[in-house]
C-alpha atoms as a PDB file:
ATOM      1  CA  UNK A   1     -20.726  54.666  15.081  1.00  0.00           C
ATOM      2  CA  UNK A   2     -23.525  53.649  12.816  1.00  0.00           C
ATOM      3  CA  UNK A   3     -25.553  50.428  13.658  1.00  0.00           C
ATOM      4  CA  UNK A   4     -25.012  47.627  11.437  1.00  0.00           C
ATOM      5  CA  UNK A   5     -27.433  45.752   9.450  1.00  0.00           C
ATOM      6  CA  UNK A   6     -28.460  42.478  11.042  1.00  0.00           C
ATOM      7  CA  UNK A   7     -28.468  40.666   7.521  1.00  0.00           C
ATOM      8  CA  UNK A   8     -24.776  41.595   6.831  1.00  0.00           C
ATOM      9  CA  UNK A   9     -22.028  39.219   6.171  1.00  0.00           C
ATOM     10  CA  UNK A  10     -19.985  40.664   8.803  1.00  0.00           C
ATOM     11  CA  UNK A  11     -22.688  39.975  11.360  1.00  0.00           C
ATOM     12  CA  UNK A  12     -22.920  36.382  10.338  1.00  0.00           C
ATOM     13  CA  UNK A  13     -19.079  35.976  10.501  1.00  0.00           C
ATOM     14  CA  UNK A  14     -18.869  37.467  13.938  1.00  0.00           C
ATOM     15  CA  UNK A  15     -21.609  35.272  15.385  1.00  0.00           C
ATOM     16  CA  UNK A  16     -19.931  32.354  13.697  1.00  0.00           C
ATOM     17  CA  UNK A  17     -16.411  33.205  15.090  1.00  0.00           C
ATOM     18  CA  UNK A  18     -17.895  33.548  18.651  1.00  0.00           C
ATOM     19  CA  UNK A  19     -19.711  30.044  18.216  1.00  0.00           C
ATOM     20  CA  UNK A  20     -16.436  28.556  17.116  1.00  0.00           C
ATOM     21  CA  UNK A  21     -14.414  30.006  19.870  1.00  0.00           C
ATOM     22  CA  UNK A  22     -16.999  28.674  22.457  1.00  0.00           C
ATOM     23  CA  UNK A  23     -16.948  25.375  20.971  1.00  0.00           C
ATOM     24  CA  UNK A  24     -13.161  25.256  21.187  1.00  0.00           C
ATOM     25  CA  UNK A  25     -13.134  25.949  24.769  1.00  0.00           C
ATOM     26  CA  UNK A  26     -15.599  23.177  25.561  1.00  0.00           C
ATOM     27  CA  UNK A  27     -13.242  20.849  23.226  1.00  0.00           C
ATOM     28  CA  UNK A  28     -10.451  22.016  25.237  1.00  0.00           C
ATOM     29  CA  UNK A  29     -12.255  21.352  28.677  1.00  0.00           C
ATOM     30  CA  UNK A  30     -12.950  17.647  27.182  1.00  0.00           C
ATOM     31  CA  UNK A  31      -9.324  17.255  26.283  1.00  0.00           C
ATOM     32  CA  UNK A  32      -8.048  17.915  29.767  1.00  0.00           C
ATOM     33  CA  UNK A  33     -10.201  15.327  31.073  1.00  0.00           C
ATOM     34  CA  UNK A  34      -8.934  12.780  28.548  1.00  0.00           C
ATOM     35  CA  UNK A  35      -5.293  13.790  29.051  1.00  0.00           C
ATOM     36  CA  UNK A  36      -5.867  13.509  32.887  1.00  0.00           C
ATOM     37  CA  UNK A  37      -7.043  10.078  32.484  1.00  0.00           C
ATOM     38  CA  UNK A  38      -4.139   9.103  30.193  1.00  0.00           C
ATOM     39  CA  UNK A  39      -1.536  10.571  32.555  1.00  0.00           C
ATOM     40  CA  UNK A  40      -2.863   9.538  35.633  1.00  0.00           C
ATOM     41  CA  UNK A  41      -3.151   5.707  34.433  1.00  0.00           C
ATOM     42  CA  UNK A  42       0.243   6.136  33.257  1.00  0.00           C
ATOM     43  CA  UNK A  43       1.527   6.777  36.726  1.00  0.00           C
ATOM     44  CA  UNK A  44      -0.384   4.388  38.246  1.00  0.00           C
ATOM     45  CA  UNK A  45       0.833   1.672  36.215  1.00  0.00           C
ATOM     46  CA  UNK A  46       4.621   2.805  36.710  1.00  0.00           C
ATOM     47  CA  UNK A  47       4.077   2.751  40.392  1.00  0.00           C
ATOM     48  CA  UNK A  48       2.334  -0.643  40.306  1.00  0.00           C
ATOM     49  CA  UNK A  49       5.027  -1.977  38.392  1.00  0.00           C
ATOM     50  CA  UNK A  50       7.730  -0.623  41.322  1.00  0.00           C
ATOM     51  CA  UNK A  51       5.259  -1.262  44.220  1.00  0.00           C
ATOM     52  CA  UNK A  52       7.893  -2.788  46.185  1.00  0.00           C
ATOM     53  CA  UNK A  53      10.109   0.239  46.346  1.00  0.00           C
ATOM     54  CA  UNK A  54       7.488   2.630  47.579  1.00  0.00           C
ATOM     55  CA  UNK A  55       3.654   2.455  47.056  1.00  0.00           C
ATOM     56  CA  UNK A  56       3.260   5.966  48.161  1.00  0.00           C
ATOM     57  CA  UNK A  57       4.601   7.306  45.154  1.00  0.00           C
ATOM     58  CA  UNK A  58       0.948   6.693  43.540  1.00  0.00           C
ATOM     59  CA  UNK A  59       0.119  10.096  45.375  1.00  0.00           C
ATOM     60  CA  UNK A  60       2.319  11.859  42.979  1.00  0.00           C
ATOM     61  CA  UNK A  61      -0.782  11.499  40.527  1.00  0.00           C
ATOM     62  CA  UNK A  62      -2.586  13.853  42.526  1.00  0.00           C
ATOM     63  CA  UNK A  63      -0.435  16.733  41.487  1.00  0.00           C
ATOM     64  CA  UNK A  64      -1.485  16.401  37.578  1.00  0.00           C
ATOM     65  CA  UNK A  65      -5.053  15.731  38.949  1.00  0.00           C
ATOM     66  CA  UNK A  66      -5.124  19.234  40.659  1.00  0.00           C
ATOM     67  CA  UNK A  67      -3.205  20.954  37.662  1.00  0.00           C
ATOM     68  CA  UNK A  68      -5.625  19.562  35.247  1.00  0.00           C
ATOM     69  CA  UNK A  69      -8.776  20.390  37.311  1.00  0.00           C
ATOM     70  CA  UNK A  70      -7.609  23.958  37.489  1.00  0.00           C
ATOM     71  CA  UNK A  71      -7.070  23.938  33.686  1.00  0.00           C
ATOM     72  CA  UNK A  72     -10.373  22.471  33.096  1.00  0.00           C
ATOM     73  CA  UNK A  73     -11.958  25.361  35.395  1.00  0.00           C
ATOM     74  CA  UNK A  74     -10.123  27.965  33.459  1.00  0.00           C
ATOM     75  CA  UNK A  75     -11.576  26.517  30.187  1.00  0.00           C
ATOM     76  CA  UNK A  76     -14.998  26.459  31.583  1.00  0.00           C
ATOM     77  CA  UNK A  77     -14.871  29.992  32.908  1.00  0.00           C
ATOM     78  CA  UNK A  78     -13.447  31.198  29.621  1.00  0.00           C
ATOM     79  CA  UNK A  79     -16.430  29.410  27.774  1.00  0.00           C
ATOM     80  CA  UNK A  80     -19.083  31.124  30.368  1.00  0.00           C
ATOM     81  CA  UNK A  81     -17.542  34.427  29.729  1.00  0.00           C
ATOM     82  CA  UNK A  82     -17.669  34.047  25.788  1.00  0.00           C
ATOM     83  CA  UNK A  83     -21.275  32.714  26.031  1.00  0.00           C
ATOM     84  CA  UNK A  84     -21.891  36.280  27.927  1.00  0.00           C
ATOM     85  CA  UNK A  85     -20.242  37.954  25.301  1.00  0.00           C
ATOM     86  CA  UNK A  86     -22.222  36.122  22.498  1.00  0.00           C
ATOM     87  CA  UNK A  87     -25.560  36.723  24.424  1.00  0.00           C
ATOM     88  CA  UNK A  88     -24.708  40.357  24.698  1.00  0.00           C
ATOM     89  CA  UNK A  89     -23.972  40.696  21.005  1.00  0.00           C
ATOM     90  CA  UNK A  90     -27.254  38.845  19.911  1.00  0.00           C
ATOM     91  CA  UNK A  91     -29.355  41.035  22.298  1.00  0.00           C
ATOM     92  CA  UNK A  92     -27.848  44.152  20.684  1.00  0.00           C
ATOM     93  CA  UNK A  93     -28.404  42.715  17.118  1.00  0.00           C
ATOM     94  CA  UNK A  94     -31.857  42.008  18.089  1.00  0.00           C
ATOM     95  CA  UNK A  95     -32.709  45.637  19.291  1.00  0.00           C
ATOM     96  CA  UNK A  96     -30.844  47.303  16.613  1.00  0.00           C
ATOM     97  CA  UNK A  97     -27.996  48.861  18.826  1.00  0.00           C
ATOM     98  CA  UNK A  98     -25.194  46.728  17.756  1.00  0.00           C
ATOM     99  CA  UNK A  99     -22.127  48.766  16.062  1.00  0.00           C
ATOM    100  CA  UNK A 100     -19.325  47.637  14.090  1.00  0.00           C
ATOM    101  CA  UNK A 101     -17.084  47.738  17.326  1.00  0.00           C
ATOM    102  CA  UNK A 102     -19.360  45.223  18.885  1.00  0.00           C
ATOM    103  CA  UNK A 103     -19.027  42.803  15.877  1.00  0.00           C
ATOM    104  CA  UNK A 104     -15.189  42.970  15.769  1.00  0.00           C
ATOM    105  CA  UNK A 105     -14.433  42.860  19.554  1.00  0.00           C
ATOM    106  CA  UNK A 106     -13.960  39.279  21.055  1.00  0.00           C
ATOM    107  CA  UNK A 107     -12.842  40.460  24.446  1.00  0.00           C
ATOM    108  CA  UNK A 108     -14.308  38.298  27.722  1.00  0.00           C
ATOM    109  CA  UNK A 109     -14.099  40.051  30.888  1.00  0.00           C
ATOM    110  CA  UNK A 110     -11.332  38.484  32.160  1.00  0.00           C
ATOM    111  CA  UNK A 111      -8.085  39.631  33.909  1.00  0.00           C
ATOM    112  CA  UNK A 112      -7.156  39.749  37.471  1.00  0.00           C
ATOM    113  CA  UNK A 113      -9.963  38.840  39.798  1.00  0.00           C
ATOM    114  CA  UNK A 114     -12.527  38.185  37.084  1.00  0.00           C
ATOM    115  CA  UNK A 115     -10.238  35.336  35.796  1.00  0.00           C
ATOM    116  CA  UNK A 116      -9.980  33.925  39.599  1.00  0.00           C
ATOM    117  CA  UNK A 117     -13.598  34.487  39.910  1.00  0.00           C
ATOM    118  CA  UNK A 118     -14.352  32.568  36.806  1.00  0.00           C
ATOM    119  CA  UNK A 119     -12.120  29.657  37.783  1.00  0.00           C
ATOM    120  CA  UNK A 120     -13.790  29.362  41.174  1.00  0.00           C
ATOM    121  CA  UNK A 121     -17.063  29.072  39.787  1.00  0.00           C
ATOM    122  CA  UNK A 122     -15.934  26.502  37.339  1.00  0.00           C
ATOM    123  CA  UNK A 123     -14.710  24.563  40.477  1.00  0.00           C
ATOM    124  CA  UNK A 124     -18.220  24.009  41.447  1.00  0.00           C
ATOM    125  CA  UNK A 125     -19.500  22.916  38.125  1.00  0.00           C
ATOM    126  CA  UNK A 126     -21.030  19.514  37.695  1.00  0.00           C
ATOM    127  CA  UNK A 127     -18.969  18.929  34.824  1.00  0.00           C
ATOM    128  CA  UNK A 128     -15.606  19.235  36.740  1.00  0.00           C
ATOM    129  CA  UNK A 129     -15.792  18.628  40.500  1.00  0.00           C
ATOM    130  CA  UNK A 130     -17.359  15.248  40.287  1.00  0.00           C
ATOM    131  CA  UNK A 131     -14.973  13.922  37.679  1.00  0.00           C
ATOM    132  CA  UNK A 132     -11.883  15.218  39.257  1.00  0.00           C
ATOM    133  CA  UNK A 133     -12.893  14.268  42.711  1.00  0.00           C
ATOM    134  CA  UNK A 134     -13.617  10.813  41.441  1.00  0.00           C
ATOM    135  CA  UNK A 135      -9.946  10.664  39.895  1.00  0.00           C
ATOM    136  CA  UNK A 136      -8.356  11.592  43.392  1.00  0.00           C
ATOM    137  CA  UNK A 137     -10.453   8.913  45.029  1.00  0.00           C
ATOM    138  CA  UNK A 138      -9.405   6.391  42.709  1.00  0.00           C
ATOM    139  CA  UNK A 139      -5.801   7.402  43.478  1.00  0.00           C
ATOM    140  CA  UNK A 140      -6.340   6.946  47.072  1.00  0.00           C
ATOM    141  CA  UNK A 141      -8.340   3.679  46.378  1.00  0.00           C
ATOM    142  CA  UNK A 142      -5.621   2.210  44.353  1.00  0.00           C
ATOM    143  CA  UNK A 143      -3.192   3.206  47.030  1.00  0.00           C
ATOM    144  CA  UNK A 144      -5.169   1.411  49.939  1.00  0.00           C
ATOM    145  CA  UNK A 145      -6.510  -1.404  48.417  1.00  0.00           C
ATOM    146  CA  UNK A 146      -4.559  -2.397  45.306  1.00  0.00           C
ATOM    147  CA  UNK A 147      -0.980  -1.604  46.116  1.00  0.00           C
ATOM    148  CA  UNK A 148       0.498  -3.706  48.989  1.00  0.00           C
END
């Protein structure tokens, strides 16, 4: 395959496409945090209203916290893989070895163990672990301190 011209509109479109996808993954990550706060707040309010029945029901809020944590880690892992793809493409464009196949292929290296590995790396990120640990701690504090 022939190498592509760095000034080509297809190069600019491909780079813009990758940047848009990366921005969308970051937005999805932020949305999962916002939805987690909303859902956990709703669960705590409902349980607080019915605290006489069983205040331990507040621990049900740990389930969506865990699920949103995993979803957020998935988005973060996917975002990181797409950034790697972006860096590979720009490196190939800079050294003149990029081909048309490089421009029109948006495929992060996910699937099987790579997906699990990227989620696990996302679990240790500063943008996920402290937030969701704080959410879980808040749920425990609400049960122990606020609910009778």
